[in-house]
Amino acid sequence: MFFIKLVVALIVMLGLAIYLVNLNIKSKVNPIEEVTSAPYENSKFHNTAPRNPMSFADTAALWVRFFTEKKVDTTPDINIPVRTVSRANLDALSEDTIHLVKLGHSSILLKVYGEYWLIDPVFSDRASPFQFVGPKRFHQPPISLEDLPPIDKVLISHNHYDHLDKASIKILLAKTQQFLVPKGVDGDLINWGVEANKIVTFDWWQELQTRQGLVAFTPTQHFSGRGMGDGNATLWGSWVIKTPQESIFFSGDSGYFAGFKEIGDKYGPFDLTMVETGAYDKNWADIHMKPEDSVQASIDLQGKVMMPIHNGTFDLAFHTWHDPFDRVVAESERREVTLSTPEFGRIFSITDLPPLTPWWQQTP
């Protein structure tokens, strides 16, 4: 039986590889010609600290894990609580502060002094190049793309499928004024129909002055790629949003690294840190933090309150679906870090952050 599953898997992988090669040929990655703050060599971006390369034996062992390791409790046995959000709810919010809504995974909706912003909007049913296979949502978004108000800014952290969703971008392009993206990601957006004059590309540490304050693109320790052969051709990173009154950090995806302290020293303290806490594993610890590292990252960033993101929506690893929440709560209590865990769709303001709410512990 294992041999049959392996043969089927290899056939599927071959078909996927052929599809992604063709997909990547159609994709347009703009060449990076100027000097960059992020390490860039041989048409590839690099982390400031070298990643631990996976040998052929390591890669083979990981595939064996995928086929043989029994996954336990990786999908919820409860109905994930989701509060429905309407356009009227959003328009009724004040325009004198920052309001936030956790939409799912790492997708965040903000109302920034009257302007609507989206971070890493993924509204598709699957975080995948296909909608018939791949990680499927545990819950629907609190609001549909069609019901969203006009969007002033869309911020993208990197081009992986659970952060950059082609179907969502193609709907958003008609109602969005500006797309803020890492270097190289503009090529995909232009290929999907976004007008070039709507796109602003960012290098690490690059800032954009806004009506409310500034937005800065800051380093992470991760990688990029959407197809075969385009690995690290585009940049990845995190976002800082600052107004005269508030300061917010959004981590994107990252392994734990010294850069968090550097960001905290430059832009902190932060009223809220939205830090990746999910999809971690011993085999890729240098690109995704375990929950204990996520708490340390928030401390390094000088965060006053931490909100764990990158969890509760897709099965992207071997751990149980609730393990990120259980471990981050335990570590935050041990380190005396204030945690905020709002339900999806809960509207809150930066001046009135929700307390720790263990919604994932409800009885099936």
Protein backbone atom coordinates (compact mmCIF):
# COMPACT_ATOMS: atom_id res chain seq x y z
CA MET A 1 0.00 0.00 0.00
CA PHE A 2 2.82 2.42 0.85
CA PHE A 3 4.45 1.73 -2.53
CA ILE A 4 1.18 2.50 -4.34
CA LYS A 5 0.77 5.75 -2.41
CA LEU A 6 4.36 6.69 -3.20
CA VAL A 7 3.92 6.05 -6.94
CA VAL A 8 0.69 8.08 -7.01
CA ALA A 9 2.37 10.87 -5.08
CA LEU A 10 5.32 10.93 -7.48
CA ILE A 11 2.95 11.17 -10.45
CA VAL A 12 1.09 14.04 -8.80
CA MET A 13 4.38 15.74 -7.96
CA LEU A 14 5.57 15.40 -11.56
CA GLY A 15 2.34 16.90 -12.86
CA LEU A 16 2.59 19.69 -10.33
CA ALA A 17 6.19 20.38 -11.29
CA ILE A 18 5.29 20.60 -14.99
CA TYR A 19 2.37 22.90 -14.17
CA LEU A 20 4.47 25.16 -11.96
CA VAL A 21 7.25 25.37 -14.53
CA ASN A 22 4.70 26.59 -17.06
CA LEU A 23 3.17 28.87 -14.43
CA ASN A 24 6.55 30.37 -13.67
CA ILE A 25 7.28 30.92 -17.36
CA LYS A 26 4.08 32.96 -17.58
CA SER A 27 4.93 34.84 -14.40
CA LYS A 28 6.77 38.11 -14.74
CA VAL A 29 9.46 38.84 -12.15
CA ASN A 30 10.92 42.27 -12.75
CA PRO A 31 14.74 42.18 -12.72
CA ILE A 32 16.40 43.84 -9.72
CA GLU A 33 19.01 46.16 -11.17
CA GLU A 34 19.75 48.66 -8.38
CA VAL A 35 21.73 48.07 -5.18
CA THR A 36 19.53 46.67 -2.41
CA SER A 37 19.67 46.73 1.37
CA ALA A 38 18.65 43.07 1.40
CA PRO A 39 21.52 40.76 0.35
CA TYR A 40 21.14 40.14 -3.40
CA GLU A 41 23.48 38.04 -5.51
CA ASN A 42 23.13 35.96 -8.69
CA SER A 43 19.54 37.19 -9.16
CA LYS A 44 18.54 35.82 -5.74
CA PHE A 45 17.74 37.48 -2.44
CA HIS A 46 19.34 36.08 0.70
CA ASN A 47 18.87 36.27 4.45
CA THR A 48 21.35 38.20 6.57
CA ALA A 49 22.24 34.93 8.32
CA PRO A 50 22.68 31.79 6.17
CA ARG A 51 19.87 29.23 6.34
CA ASN A 52 20.68 25.65 7.23
CA PRO A 53 20.64 23.92 3.84
CA MET A 54 18.66 20.71 3.55
CA SER A 55 20.68 17.84 2.13
CA PHE A 56 19.20 15.29 -0.22
CA ALA A 57 18.94 12.89 2.73
CA ASP A 58 17.12 15.55 4.79
CA THR A 59 14.69 16.21 1.96
CA ALA A 60 14.06 12.50 1.46
CA ALA A 61 13.46 12.04 5.18
CA LEU A 62 10.95 14.89 5.13
CA TRP A 63 9.02 13.28 2.28
CA VAL A 64 8.99 10.02 4.21
CA ARG A 65 7.49 11.92 7.15
CA PHE A 66 4.75 13.30 4.90
CA PHE A 67 3.78 9.82 3.76
CA THR A 68 4.27 7.84 6.97
CA GLU A 69 3.84 10.13 9.96
CA LYS A 70 0.31 10.04 11.30
CA LYS A 71 -1.08 13.54 11.65
CA VAL A 72 -3.24 13.94 14.73
CA ASP A 73 -5.77 16.69 15.42
CA THR A 74 -4.47 18.94 12.64
CA THR A 75 -7.98 20.08 11.69
CA PRO A 76 -10.49 21.50 14.21
CA ASP A 77 -13.17 19.34 15.76
CA ILE A 78 -15.07 22.53 16.66
CA ASN A 79 -16.75 25.20 14.60
CA ILE A 80 -14.19 27.98 14.52
CA PRO A 81 -15.97 31.06 15.94
CA VAL A 82 -16.22 33.77 13.27
CA ARG A 83 -18.02 37.08 13.76
CA THR A 84 -19.67 38.36 10.59
CA VAL A 85 -18.47 41.81 9.56
CA SER A 86 -20.59 44.12 7.40
CA ARG A 87 -19.74 47.25 5.46
CA ALA A 88 -22.01 49.16 7.84
CA ASN A 89 -20.00 47.89 10.83
CA LEU A 90 -16.80 49.21 9.25
CA ASP A 91 -18.15 52.55 8.13
CA ALA A 92 -19.52 53.20 11.62
CA LEU A 93 -16.01 53.03 13.13
CA SER A 94 -14.36 56.27 14.15
CA GLU A 95 -11.65 57.91 12.04
CA ASP A 96 -9.43 59.06 14.92
CA THR A 97 -7.46 55.87 15.58
CA ILE A 98 -6.56 52.45 14.11
CA HIS A 99 -9.18 49.68 14.09
CA LEU A 100 -8.30 46.07 13.23
CA VAL A 101 -10.04 42.84 12.21
CA LYS A 102 -8.30 39.46 12.05
CA LEU A 103 -9.77 37.88 8.91
CA GLY A 104 -7.96 34.52 9.02
CA HIS A 105 -4.43 33.11 8.99
CA SER A 106 -2.29 36.25 8.47
CA SER A 107 -4.92 38.36 6.72
CA ILE A 108 -5.67 41.60 8.57
CA LEU A 109 -8.12 44.41 7.78
CA LEU A 110 -7.33 47.83 9.23
CA LYS A 111 -9.16 51.13 9.31
CA VAL A 112 -6.33 53.63 9.67
CA TYR A 113 -7.72 57.06 10.47
CA GLY A 114 -10.56 56.52 8.02
CA GLU A 115 -8.59 54.64 5.36
CA TYR A 116 -9.10 50.91 4.81
CA TRP A 117 -5.92 48.85 4.53
CA LEU A 118 -5.44 45.10 3.98
CA ILE A 119 -2.39 43.03 4.93
CA ASP A 120 -1.73 39.72 3.13
CA PRO A 121 -5.34 39.23 1.98
CA VAL A 122 -6.10 35.56 1.26
CA PHE A 123 -9.80 34.91 0.67
CA SER A 124 -9.59 31.74 -1.47
CA ASP A 125 -10.72 28.38 -0.10
CA ARG A 126 -7.23 26.90 -0.44
CA ALA A 127 -3.72 28.26 0.10
CA SER A 128 -2.54 26.64 -3.11
CA PRO A 129 -1.98 27.25 -6.83
CA PHE A 130 -5.04 25.00 -7.29
CA GLN A 131 -8.52 25.22 -5.78
CA PHE A 132 -9.09 21.45 -5.94
CA VAL A 133 -6.10 20.40 -3.82
CA GLY A 134 -3.97 21.90 -1.09
CA PRO A 135 -4.56 23.29 2.41
CA LYS A 136 -8.28 24.08 2.77
CA ARG A 137 -9.73 26.76 5.01
CA PHE A 138 -11.14 25.79 8.40
CA HIS A 139 -13.55 28.72 8.25
CA GLN A 140 -14.85 31.36 5.86
CA PRO A 141 -13.64 34.98 6.05
CA PRO A 142 -15.77 37.29 8.23
CA ILE A 143 -16.51 39.48 5.20
CA SER A 144 -16.40 38.79 1.48
CA LEU A 145 -14.11 40.57 -0.95
CA GLU A 146 -17.15 42.01 -2.71
CA ASP A 147 -18.52 43.50 0.52
CA LEU A 148 -15.26 45.22 1.46
CA PRO A 149 -15.21 49.01 1.17
CA PRO A 150 -12.79 50.72 -1.23
CA ILE A 151 -9.25 49.87 -0.08
CA ASP A 152 -6.58 52.56 0.14
CA LYS A 153 -3.59 50.22 0.62
CA VAL A 154 -2.84 46.50 0.28
CA LEU A 155 0.40 45.43 1.98
CA ILE A 156 2.06 42.13 0.99
CA SER A 157 4.81 40.50 3.10
CA HIS A 158 5.99 37.90 0.54
CA ASN A 159 4.73 35.85 -2.38
CA HIS A 160 3.87 32.46 -0.84
CA TYR A 161 0.37 31.22 -1.58
CA ASP A 162 -0.89 31.67 2.00
CA HIS A 163 0.09 35.37 1.86
CA LEU A 164 -0.28 36.40 -1.79
CA ASP A 165 -3.53 35.13 -3.30
CA LYS A 166 -3.92 35.73 -7.02
CA ALA A 167 -7.71 35.36 -7.01
CA SER A 168 -8.06 37.90 -4.20
CA ILE A 169 -5.71 40.40 -5.89
CA LYS A 170 -7.63 40.16 -9.17
CA ILE A 171 -10.83 41.18 -7.36
CA LEU A 172 -9.13 43.80 -5.21
CA LEU A 173 -7.31 45.56 -8.06
CA ALA A 174 -10.48 47.42 -9.11
CA LYS A 175 -11.14 48.81 -5.63
CA THR A 176 -7.58 49.39 -4.36
CA GLN A 177 -5.62 52.64 -4.75
CA GLN A 178 -2.15 51.35 -3.87
CA PHE A 179 -0.28 48.05 -3.46
CA LEU A 180 2.82 48.02 -1.24
CA VAL A 181 4.95 44.97 -2.07
CA PRO A 182 8.49 43.59 -1.68
CA LYS A 183 10.92 44.01 -4.56
CA GLY A 184 10.12 41.69 -7.43
CA VAL A 185 6.51 40.99 -6.41
CA ASP A 186 5.35 43.86 -8.62
CA GLY A 187 5.97 41.60 -11.62
CA ASP A 188 3.27 39.16 -10.58
CA LEU A 189 0.78 41.92 -9.77
CA ILE A 190 1.29 43.59 -13.14
CA ASN A 191 0.86 40.22 -14.82
CA TRP A 192 -2.47 39.83 -12.97
CA GLY A 193 -3.79 43.17 -14.17
CA VAL A 194 -2.69 45.68 -11.52
CA GLU A 195 -1.62 48.98 -13.06
CA ALA A 196 2.09 49.67 -12.50
CA ASN A 197 1.41 53.18 -11.18
CA LYS A 198 -0.59 51.64 -8.32
CA ILE A 199 2.38 49.62 -7.06
CA VAL A 200 5.14 50.74 -4.70
CA THR A 201 8.03 48.28 -4.25
CA PHE A 202 10.05 48.10 -1.05
CA ASP A 203 13.54 47.11 -0.06
CA TRP A 204 14.36 46.29 3.57
CA TRP A 205 14.33 49.42 5.76
CA GLN A 206 12.60 51.46 3.06
CA GLU A 207 9.96 53.88 4.35
CA LEU A 208 6.91 55.53 2.80
CA GLN A 209 5.42 58.65 4.33
CA THR A 210 1.62 58.48 4.50
CA ARG A 211 -1.12 60.87 5.51
CA GLN A 212 -1.17 59.16 8.91
CA GLY A 213 2.57 58.73 9.51
CA LEU A 214 4.82 56.16 7.87
CA VAL A 215 5.01 52.60 6.64
CA ALA A 216 8.34 50.75 6.69
CA PHE A 217 9.33 47.38 5.21
CA THR A 218 11.66 45.53 7.57
CA PRO A 219 13.70 42.29 7.36
CA THR A 220 12.67 38.75 8.22
CA GLN A 221 14.42 35.40 7.92
CA HIS A 222 12.44 33.49 5.32
CA PHE A 223 12.36 32.80 1.55
CA SER A 224 10.12 33.26 -1.48
CA GLY A 225 8.84 31.40 -4.51
CA ARG A 226 5.60 30.44 -6.28
CA GLY A 227 6.81 28.02 -8.96
CA MET A 228 9.69 25.89 -10.10
CA GLY A 229 12.83 27.95 -10.64
CA ASP A 230 11.76 31.27 -9.08
CA GLY A 231 13.05 30.59 -5.56
CA ASN A 232 14.14 33.81 -3.80
CA ALA A 233 13.76 35.89 -6.95
CA THR A 234 11.51 38.24 -4.94
CA LEU A 235 12.04 39.73 -1.50
CA TRP A 236 10.24 38.90 1.78
CA GLY A 237 9.81 40.90 4.96
CA SER A 238 7.67 42.47 7.68
CA TRP A 239 5.75 45.73 8.03
CA VAL A 240 5.90 48.62 10.48
CA ILE A 241 2.96 51.04 10.63
CA LYS A 242 3.45 54.21 12.67
CA THR A 243 1.24 57.20 13.35
CA PRO A 244 1.93 60.03 15.83
CA GLN A 245 -0.13 58.09 18.39
CA GLU A 246 0.23 54.38 17.50
CA SER A 247 2.80 51.86 16.36
CA ILE A 248 2.07 48.40 14.90
CA PHE A 249 4.32 45.56 13.72
CA PHE A 250 3.29 42.74 11.34
CA SER A 251 5.82 39.93 11.11
CA GLY A 252 4.94 38.15 7.88
CA ASP A 253 6.78 34.80 8.06
CA SER A 254 10.16 34.36 9.74
CA GLY A 255 12.47 32.20 11.71
CA TYR A 256 13.73 33.75 14.91
CA PHE A 257 16.71 36.05 14.26
CA ALA A 258 18.56 39.07 15.60
CA GLY A 259 16.66 41.35 13.24
CA PHE A 260 13.69 41.56 15.59
CA LYS A 261 15.76 43.41 18.17
CA GLU A 262 17.15 45.67 15.45
CA ILE A 263 13.61 46.53 14.34
CA GLY A 264 12.54 47.13 17.94
CA ASP A 265 15.49 49.41 18.56
CA LYS A 266 14.74 51.44 15.42
CA TYR A 267 10.92 51.62 15.46
CA GLY A 268 9.74 50.35 18.86
CA PRO A 269 8.11 50.26 21.24
CA PHE A 270 5.02 48.84 19.52
CA ASP A 271 1.49 49.05 20.86
CA LEU A 272 0.73 45.78 19.06
CA THR A 273 2.95 43.11 17.52
CA MET A 274 1.22 40.68 15.16
CA VAL A 275 3.70 37.80 15.20
CA GLU A 276 3.72 34.54 13.23
CA THR A 277 2.81 31.66 15.56
CA GLY A 278 2.02 28.56 13.52
CA ALA A 279 3.19 26.18 10.74
CA TYR A 280 6.46 25.47 12.57
CA ASP A 281 8.43 22.23 12.62
CA LYS A 282 11.84 20.88 13.57
CA ASN A 283 12.65 20.44 9.87
CA TRP A 284 12.19 24.13 9.03
CA ALA A 285 12.93 25.87 12.34
CA ASP A 286 15.11 28.52 10.68
CA ILE A 287 12.22 29.92 8.59
CA HIS A 288 9.19 29.52 10.92
CA MET A 289 9.32 30.27 14.64
CA LYS A 290 8.04 27.93 17.30
CA PRO A 291 5.65 29.72 19.71
CA GLU A 292 8.31 30.24 22.35
CA ASP A 293 10.44 32.07 19.77
CA SER A 294 7.44 34.14 18.72
CA VAL A 295 7.06 35.43 22.26
CA GLN A 296 10.77 36.25 22.39
CA ALA A 297 10.43 38.09 19.08
CA SER A 298 7.69 40.28 20.54
CA ILE A 299 9.91 41.02 23.53
CA ASP A 300 12.79 41.94 21.19
CA LEU A 301 10.44 44.22 19.26
CA GLN A 302 9.48 46.00 22.51
CA GLY A 303 5.85 45.03 21.99
CA LYS A 304 3.34 46.06 24.62
CA VAL A 305 0.75 43.50 23.44
CA MET A 306 1.29 40.49 21.17
CA MET A 307 -1.34 39.00 18.84
CA PRO A 308 -0.39 35.56 17.42
CA ILE A 309 -1.18 35.20 13.70
CA HIS A 310 -0.56 32.57 10.97
CA ASN A 311 -2.81 30.06 12.73
CA GLY A 312 -6.38 28.78 13.02
CA THR A 313 -7.19 28.79 9.28
CA PHE A 314 -5.00 26.33 7.32
CA ASP A 315 -3.20 23.05 8.10
CA LEU A 316 0.37 23.79 7.03
CA ALA A 317 2.46 21.58 9.33
CA PHE A 318 2.46 18.42 11.46
CA HIS A 319 1.45 19.98 14.79
CA THR A 320 -2.14 20.00 16.08
CA TRP A 321 -4.24 22.96 14.98
CA HIS A 322 -4.47 24.30 18.53
CA ASP A 323 -0.83 23.74 19.51
CA PRO A 324 0.22 27.29 18.52
CA PHE A 325 -2.38 28.77 20.86
CA ASP A 326 -1.68 26.41 23.76
CA ARG A 327 2.07 26.98 23.63
CA VAL A 328 2.01 30.72 23.05
CA VAL A 329 -0.33 31.20 26.00
CA ALA A 330 1.91 29.12 28.27
CA GLU A 331 5.04 30.98 27.17
CA SER A 332 3.46 34.43 27.36
CA GLU A 333 2.37 33.72 30.93
CA ARG A 334 5.84 32.47 31.80
CA ARG A 335 7.49 35.55 30.28
CA GLU A 336 4.78 37.95 31.52
CA VAL A 337 3.91 39.07 27.99
CA THR A 338 0.41 40.46 27.45
CA LEU A 339 -1.42 38.43 24.80
CA SER A 340 -4.47 39.32 22.72
CA THR A 341 -6.34 36.50 20.95
CA PRO A 342 -9.45 37.94 19.27
CA GLU A 343 -11.87 35.71 17.42
CA PHE A 344 -11.88 36.05 13.63
CA GLY A 345 -14.11 38.96 12.69
CA ARG A 346 -13.92 40.72 16.05
CA ILE A 347 -13.50 44.46 15.48
CA PHE A 348 -11.24 46.24 17.94
CA SER A 349 -9.15 49.38 18.17
CA ILE A 350 -5.50 49.80 19.00
CA THR A 351 -6.52 51.70 22.13
CA ASP A 352 -8.85 48.90 23.32
CA LEU A 353 -7.20 45.57 22.48
CA PRO A 354 -9.14 42.39 23.30
CA PRO A 355 -7.82 40.34 26.23
CA LEU A 356 -6.66 36.73 26.08
CA THR A 357 -9.76 34.79 24.96
CA PRO A 358 -9.27 30.99 24.71
CA TRP A 359 -11.91 30.48 21.99
CA TRP A 360 -10.05 27.40 20.64
CA GLN A 361 -10.76 25.51 23.87
CA GLN A 362 -14.53 25.31 23.39
CA THR A 363 -16.14 21.87 23.64
CA PRO A 364 -16.97 20.19 20.31
